Amino acid sequence: MCGRFVILSSPEVFRATYGYAERPNFPARHNVAPTQPVAVVTAEHGRRRFALMRWGFLPAWVKDPADFPLIVNARIETAAEKPSFRNALRYRRCIVLADGFYEWRRGAGRGQAPFLIRRADGGPMALAGLWETWSGPDGSEIDTAAIVTCAANGMLAALHERMPAILGLEAVAGWLDLRAVEAGAAAGLCRPCPDEWLTLTPADPRVNDHRNDDPGLLSAPAAPSPAPVRPEAQGRLL
């Protein structure tokens, strides 16, 4: 699954990587959490577009969001069958801008430190996503998105059985090509990425609190140095 991720590359790097025309300016994020705005790339009439959406997918047919569970991930194996995702897989696929994500060891207790997973080459990590526009009875609209997940690869299987679908650049083109790539073929692009694409390092337990968002979250805190032994104490030990 994917419940937190990071955005570290500059806006210029993301724009060059995905080829959208807009020139957004946004800060680095070290602990993106559900319900927060996320940056995505969509394709409309063959043109790539940058957009901000709420992380938490709302199908168009939902009457009251308060009565609908928060959906942050979509399982690719069942997306074509689920009423929530079926139309989005056909017509509203996106890439969620990210540079890495956090994962916790399966079955770990509350407060367990997470791991940070990034691309080994340090480049942006293209996370497959689905999006939908929800319209309220008052005419208001909310663009919402979910991150697509697939089975974990060998590296991540020790932590969790699921992982976000991470796409290579060629697969990004197919995922966003709504005109030439139908839903079944698009789903086939979402498979466990090769282990060698990724690195895995311990992160700071402060990631568990979504209010924390600073560069220190990216690595585990250094162990405290042992207190020096005073000379008189050394003498008593002899």
Protein backbone atom coordinates (compact mmCIF):
# COMPACT_ATOMS: atom_id res chain seq x y z
CA MET A 1 0.00 0.00 0.00
CA CYS A 2 1.03 3.65 0.07
CA GLY A 3 -0.03 5.90 2.93
CA ARG A 4 2.70 8.58 2.92
CA PHE A 5 5.12 9.84 0.29
CA VAL A 6 7.65 12.57 -0.43
CA ILE A 7 8.11 15.24 -3.13
CA LEU A 8 11.73 16.38 -3.27
CA SER A 9 12.62 17.25 -6.88
CA SER A 10 12.26 20.82 -8.08
CA PRO A 11 9.20 21.85 -10.13
CA GLU A 12 11.51 22.22 -13.14
CA VAL A 13 12.68 18.59 -12.86
CA PHE A 14 9.12 17.28 -12.70
CA ARG A 15 8.08 19.44 -15.65
CA ALA A 16 11.00 18.23 -17.76
CA THR A 17 10.33 14.61 -16.79
CA TYR A 18 6.60 14.57 -17.60
CA GLY A 19 6.32 17.23 -20.28
CA TYR A 20 3.35 19.33 -19.16
CA ALA A 21 3.04 22.95 -20.26
CA GLU A 22 2.14 24.55 -16.93
CA ARG A 23 4.87 26.11 -14.78
CA PRO A 24 3.71 25.47 -11.21
CA ASN A 25 5.82 26.41 -8.24
CA PHE A 26 5.50 24.15 -5.22
CA PRO A 27 7.72 23.37 -2.22
CA ALA A 28 9.33 20.10 -1.26
CA ARG A 29 7.14 17.88 0.90
CA HIS A 30 8.56 15.28 3.29
CA ASN A 31 5.38 13.70 4.63
CA VAL A 32 2.43 13.93 2.24
CA ALA A 33 -0.63 12.39 3.94
CA PRO A 34 -4.17 11.41 2.87
CA THR A 35 -6.73 14.23 2.39
CA GLN A 36 -3.93 16.68 1.53
CA PRO A 37 -3.52 18.20 -1.96
CA VAL A 38 -1.28 16.15 -4.26
CA ALA A 39 0.26 17.11 -7.59
CA VAL A 40 -0.67 14.91 -10.55
CA VAL A 41 -0.17 14.76 -14.30
CA THR A 42 -3.19 13.95 -16.48
CA ALA A 43 -3.63 13.73 -20.24
CA GLU A 44 -6.57 15.37 -21.99
CA HIS A 45 -6.91 15.14 -25.79
CA GLY A 46 -3.29 14.06 -25.98
CA ARG A 47 -2.01 17.01 -23.96
CA ARG A 48 -0.40 16.51 -20.58
CA ARG A 49 -1.62 18.77 -17.82
CA PHE A 50 -0.48 19.52 -14.25
CA ALA A 51 -3.19 19.60 -11.58
CA LEU A 52 -3.69 19.57 -7.83
CA MET A 53 -6.17 17.08 -6.40
CA ARG A 54 -7.24 15.82 -3.00
CA TRP A 55 -5.59 12.54 -2.02
CA GLY A 56 -8.70 10.52 -1.24
CA PHE A 57 -10.73 9.17 -4.16
CA LEU A 58 -14.44 9.99 -4.38
CA PRO A 59 -16.46 8.21 -7.10
CA ALA A 60 -18.83 10.50 -8.98
CA TRP A 61 -21.88 8.56 -7.79
CA VAL A 62 -21.24 9.19 -4.07
CA LYS A 63 -24.04 11.31 -2.61
CA ASP A 64 -22.46 12.31 0.72
CA PRO A 65 -18.66 12.16 1.16
CA ALA A 66 -19.12 12.00 4.93
CA ASP A 67 -20.73 8.58 4.52
CA PHE A 68 -18.06 7.19 2.17
CA PRO A 69 -14.76 5.69 3.39
CA LEU A 70 -11.52 7.45 2.50
CA ILE A 71 -9.88 5.65 -0.45
CA VAL A 72 -6.19 6.46 -0.91
CA ASN A 73 -5.16 3.29 -2.82
CA ALA A 74 -6.71 1.34 -5.68
CA ARG A 75 -5.79 -2.34 -6.22
CA ILE A 76 -4.96 -2.77 -9.91
CA GLU A 77 -6.08 -6.41 -9.91
CA THR A 78 -9.70 -5.43 -9.27
CA ALA A 79 -9.87 -1.85 -10.55
CA ALA A 80 -11.60 -2.84 -13.81
CA GLU A 81 -14.37 -4.60 -11.87
CA LYS A 82 -14.94 -2.21 -8.98
CA PRO A 83 -17.70 0.38 -9.53
CA SER A 84 -15.52 2.92 -7.73
CA PHE A 85 -12.62 2.66 -10.20
CA ARG A 86 -13.97 1.12 -13.41
CA ASN A 87 -14.60 4.36 -15.29
CA ALA A 88 -11.49 6.05 -13.93
CA LEU A 89 -9.32 3.20 -15.22
CA ARG A 90 -10.79 3.76 -18.67
CA TYR A 91 -10.93 7.53 -18.84
CA ARG A 92 -9.10 9.18 -15.93
CA ARG A 93 -5.61 7.85 -15.35
CA CYS A 94 -2.87 10.05 -13.91
CA ILE A 95 0.66 10.07 -12.54
CA VAL A 96 1.13 11.20 -8.94
CA LEU A 97 4.28 13.31 -8.62
CA ALA A 98 6.60 11.79 -6.04
CA ASP A 99 10.24 11.01 -5.29
CA GLY A 100 9.65 8.19 -2.84
CA PHE A 101 7.25 6.74 -0.31
CA TYR A 102 7.27 5.40 3.24
CA GLU A 103 6.37 1.87 4.22
CA TRP A 104 5.97 0.25 7.61
CA ARG A 105 6.81 -3.36 8.40
CA ARG A 106 3.67 -5.47 8.19
CA GLY A 107 2.17 -6.15 11.62
CA ALA A 108 4.39 -3.61 13.36
CA GLY A 109 2.99 -1.99 16.48
CA ARG A 110 2.00 1.62 16.87
CA GLY A 111 4.96 3.97 16.69
CA GLN A 112 7.07 1.65 14.54
CA ALA A 113 9.65 3.51 12.48
CA PRO A 114 8.99 3.44 8.72
CA PHE A 115 11.35 2.89 5.81
CA LEU A 116 11.84 5.33 2.96
CA ILE A 117 11.83 3.83 -0.54
CA ARG A 118 13.33 5.91 -3.36
CA ARG A 119 14.59 5.32 -6.87
CA ALA A 120 18.21 4.17 -6.92
CA ASP A 121 19.02 6.74 -9.61
CA GLY A 122 17.61 9.57 -7.49
CA GLY A 123 15.06 10.56 -10.13
CA PRO A 124 11.32 11.19 -9.77
CA MET A 125 9.19 8.15 -8.97
CA ALA A 126 6.17 7.90 -11.28
CA LEU A 127 3.27 6.53 -9.23
CA ALA A 128 0.29 5.35 -11.26
CA GLY A 129 -2.94 6.98 -10.13
CA LEU A 130 -6.65 7.24 -10.87
CA TRP A 131 -8.71 10.40 -10.52
CA GLU A 132 -12.31 11.50 -10.46
CA THR A 133 -14.26 14.74 -10.18
CA TRP A 134 -16.97 14.67 -7.52
CA SER A 135 -19.81 17.19 -7.87
CA GLY A 136 -21.81 18.31 -4.85
CA PRO A 137 -25.52 19.17 -4.86
CA ASP A 138 -24.58 22.84 -4.54
CA GLY A 139 -22.58 22.70 -7.78
CA SER A 140 -19.18 22.55 -6.10
CA GLU A 141 -16.57 20.19 -7.54
CA ILE A 142 -13.62 18.33 -6.01
CA ASP A 143 -10.93 16.60 -8.05
CA THR A 144 -9.76 13.54 -6.11
CA ALA A 145 -7.12 10.88 -6.70
CA ALA A 146 -5.92 7.48 -5.48
CA ILE A 147 -2.54 5.78 -5.91
CA VAL A 148 -2.66 2.45 -7.73
CA THR A 149 -1.07 -0.51 -5.95
CA CYS A 150 0.17 -3.91 -7.10
CA ALA A 151 1.86 -6.90 -5.47
CA ALA A 152 5.16 -6.09 -3.75
CA ASN A 153 8.45 -6.90 -5.46
CA GLY A 154 11.10 -9.04 -3.77
CA MET A 155 12.72 -6.14 -1.91
CA LEU A 156 9.52 -4.84 -0.37
CA ALA A 157 7.76 -8.16 0.26
CA ALA A 158 9.51 -8.44 3.63
CA LEU A 159 7.78 -5.22 4.69
CA HIS A 160 4.35 -5.50 3.07
CA GLU A 161 2.54 -7.56 0.47
CA ARG A 162 1.53 -4.45 -1.55
CA MET A 163 3.41 -1.54 -3.10
CA PRO A 164 2.51 1.43 -5.30
CA ALA A 165 2.70 0.77 -9.03
CA ILE A 166 5.93 2.53 -10.09
CA LEU A 167 6.13 3.13 -13.82
CA GLY A 168 9.10 3.57 -16.12
CA LEU A 169 8.97 6.45 -18.61
CA GLU A 170 7.73 4.22 -21.44
CA ALA A 171 4.97 2.89 -19.21
CA VAL A 172 4.09 6.46 -18.18
CA ALA A 173 3.35 7.24 -21.82
CA GLY A 174 1.08 4.22 -22.14
CA TRP A 175 -0.68 4.82 -18.83
CA LEU A 176 -1.54 8.39 -19.83
CA ASP A 177 -2.54 7.52 -23.40
CA LEU A 178 -6.29 7.19 -22.95
CA ARG A 179 -6.98 7.13 -26.68
CA ALA A 180 -4.71 4.25 -27.72
CA VAL A 181 -4.32 2.19 -24.52
CA GLU A 182 -7.51 0.65 -23.21
CA ALA A 183 -8.12 -0.24 -19.58
CA GLY A 184 -6.90 -3.84 -19.70
CA ALA A 185 -3.62 -2.96 -21.37
CA ALA A 186 -3.14 -0.04 -18.96
CA ALA A 187 -3.68 -2.35 -15.99
CA GLY A 188 -0.96 -4.62 -17.40
CA LEU A 189 1.55 -1.79 -17.00
CA CYS A 190 1.04 -1.78 -13.24
CA ARG A 191 3.27 -4.59 -12.04
CA PRO A 192 6.02 -4.89 -9.41
CA CYS A 193 9.02 -2.88 -10.52
CA PRO A 194 12.49 -4.49 -10.57
CA ASP A 195 14.26 -4.57 -7.21
CA GLU A 196 17.26 -2.75 -8.65
CA TRP A 197 15.15 0.32 -9.31
CA LEU A 198 14.81 1.02 -5.59
CA THR A 199 16.69 1.74 -2.40
CA LEU A 200 15.30 1.22 1.09
CA THR A 201 16.55 3.08 4.17
CA PRO A 202 15.24 3.57 7.73
CA ALA A 203 13.35 6.83 8.26
CA ASP A 204 12.52 8.90 11.32
CA PRO A 205 9.58 7.65 13.46
CA ARG A 206 8.27 11.23 13.43
CA VAL A 207 6.78 10.38 10.03
CA ASN A 208 3.95 8.74 12.01
CA ASP A 209 2.60 12.20 12.86
CA HIS A 210 1.35 13.85 9.67
CA ARG A 211 1.97 17.28 11.18
CA ASN A 212 5.73 16.71 10.87
CA ASP A 213 7.14 17.77 7.50
CA ASP A 214 10.87 18.48 7.43
CA PRO A 215 14.02 17.02 5.83
CA GLY A 216 14.96 15.23 9.04
CA LEU A 217 12.18 12.71 8.42
CA LEU A 218 14.06 11.16 5.51
CA SER A 219 16.57 9.27 7.66
CA ALA A 220 16.59 7.58 11.03
CA PRO A 221 17.95 9.74 13.85
CA ALA A 222 21.54 9.03 14.83
CA ALA A 223 22.00 6.93 17.92
CA PRO A 224 23.10 9.03 20.91
CA SER A 225 26.79 8.86 21.71
CA PRO A 226 27.62 7.05 24.96
CA ALA A 227 28.28 9.35 27.87
CA PRO A 228 32.01 9.71 28.62
CA VAL A 229 33.23 7.92 31.74
CA ARG A 230 34.75 10.31 34.26
CA PRO A 231 38.32 9.47 35.40
CA GLU A 232 37.21 8.94 39.01
CA ALA A 233 34.57 6.47 37.83
CA GLN A 234 37.18 4.56 35.84
CA GLY A 235 39.30 4.27 38.99
CA ARG A 236 36.44 2.73 40.93
CA LEU A 237 35.98 0.10 38.25
CA LEU A 238 39.59 -1.11 38.52
